[in-house]
């Protein structure tokens, strides 16, 4: 697709979405191609699950929660 720079300004967000979807958009000035919008070749990875399998949580991780909660309840730093 070819589009004039002046027109592209008004449609920039839509043109970016189209480029992300794989469409190649050529920007023109006075009818001559000057730039091209394409999807980035660099892939953004999600951080969710990135440490999976790199550590293990001990079975007794929650042991002592009552004791710690009690310390917070009796703390003079907390209101109430």
Protein backbone atom coordinates (compact mmCIF):
# COMPACT_ATOMS: atom_id res chain seq x y z
CA UNK A 1 0.00 0.00 0.00
CA UNK A 2 1.23 3.52 -0.75
CA UNK A 3 0.10 6.58 1.17
CA UNK A 4 1.20 10.20 1.19
CA UNK A 5 2.97 11.35 4.35
CA UNK A 6 0.43 14.13 4.92
CA UNK A 7 -2.43 11.62 4.78
CA UNK A 8 -0.51 9.08 6.88
CA UNK A 9 -0.28 11.55 9.77
CA UNK A 10 -4.04 11.42 10.23
CA UNK A 11 -4.12 7.62 10.04
CA UNK A 12 -0.90 6.82 11.91
CA UNK A 13 -2.36 4.52 14.60
CA UNK A 14 -4.29 2.52 12.00
CA UNK A 15 -1.23 2.26 9.75
CA UNK A 16 0.85 0.93 12.66
CA UNK A 17 -1.80 -1.72 13.40
CA UNK A 18 -1.80 -2.74 9.74
CA UNK A 19 2.00 -2.96 9.68
CA UNK A 20 1.93 -5.10 12.85
CA UNK A 21 -0.49 -7.41 11.04
CA UNK A 22 2.07 -7.88 8.26
CA UNK A 23 1.07 -5.30 5.69
CA UNK A 24 3.88 -3.26 4.15
CA UNK A 25 3.06 0.44 3.91
CA UNK A 26 5.11 2.76 1.73
CA UNK A 27 5.08 6.46 2.58
CA UNK A 28 5.37 8.87 -0.32
CA UNK A 29 6.25 12.52 -0.74
CA UNK A 30 5.10 14.17 -3.97
CA UNK A 31 4.28 10.71 -5.29
CA UNK A 32 7.77 9.27 -4.70
CA UNK A 33 8.42 6.53 -2.11
CA UNK A 34 10.51 7.84 0.81
CA UNK A 35 9.95 5.40 3.69
CA UNK A 36 8.38 2.07 4.51
CA UNK A 37 6.42 0.86 7.55
CA UNK A 38 6.79 -2.82 8.31
CA UNK A 39 6.39 -5.00 11.39
CA UNK A 40 9.46 -5.16 13.58
CA UNK A 41 11.53 -8.30 13.19
CA UNK A 42 12.37 -8.12 16.88
CA UNK A 43 9.90 -10.16 18.88
CA UNK A 44 8.78 -8.98 22.30
CA UNK A 45 8.58 -11.85 24.73
CA UNK A 46 6.20 -11.97 27.64
CA UNK A 47 7.74 -12.10 31.10
CA UNK A 48 4.99 -14.40 32.34
CA UNK A 49 6.53 -17.79 33.00
CA UNK A 50 10.05 -16.69 32.02
CA UNK A 51 11.61 -18.33 35.12
CA UNK A 52 9.66 -21.58 34.87
CA UNK A 53 11.81 -24.52 35.89
CA UNK A 54 14.67 -22.35 37.13
CA UNK A 55 13.90 -22.67 40.82
CA UNK A 56 11.74 -24.71 43.15
CA UNK A 57 9.60 -23.64 46.06
CA UNK A 58 10.01 -25.69 49.24
CA UNK A 59 6.97 -27.56 50.53
CA UNK A 60 7.17 -25.71 53.88
CA UNK A 61 7.11 -22.21 52.35
CA UNK A 62 3.93 -21.30 54.25
CA UNK A 63 5.08 -22.66 57.60
CA UNK A 64 5.34 -19.87 60.12
CA UNK A 65 2.75 -17.64 58.47
CA UNK A 66 0.67 -17.55 61.65
CA UNK A 67 3.70 -16.48 63.69
CA UNK A 68 4.58 -13.71 61.23
CA UNK A 69 0.95 -12.53 61.06
CA UNK A 70 0.93 -12.36 64.86
CA UNK A 71 4.02 -10.16 64.84
CA UNK A 72 2.28 -7.76 62.46
CA UNK A 73 -0.87 -7.72 64.63
CA UNK A 74 1.11 -6.79 67.74
CA UNK A 75 3.39 -4.28 66.01
CA UNK A 76 3.36 -0.77 67.39
CA UNK A 77 4.08 0.56 63.91
CA UNK A 78 0.69 -0.37 62.48
CA UNK A 79 -2.50 1.52 63.40
CA UNK A 80 -5.29 -0.18 65.14
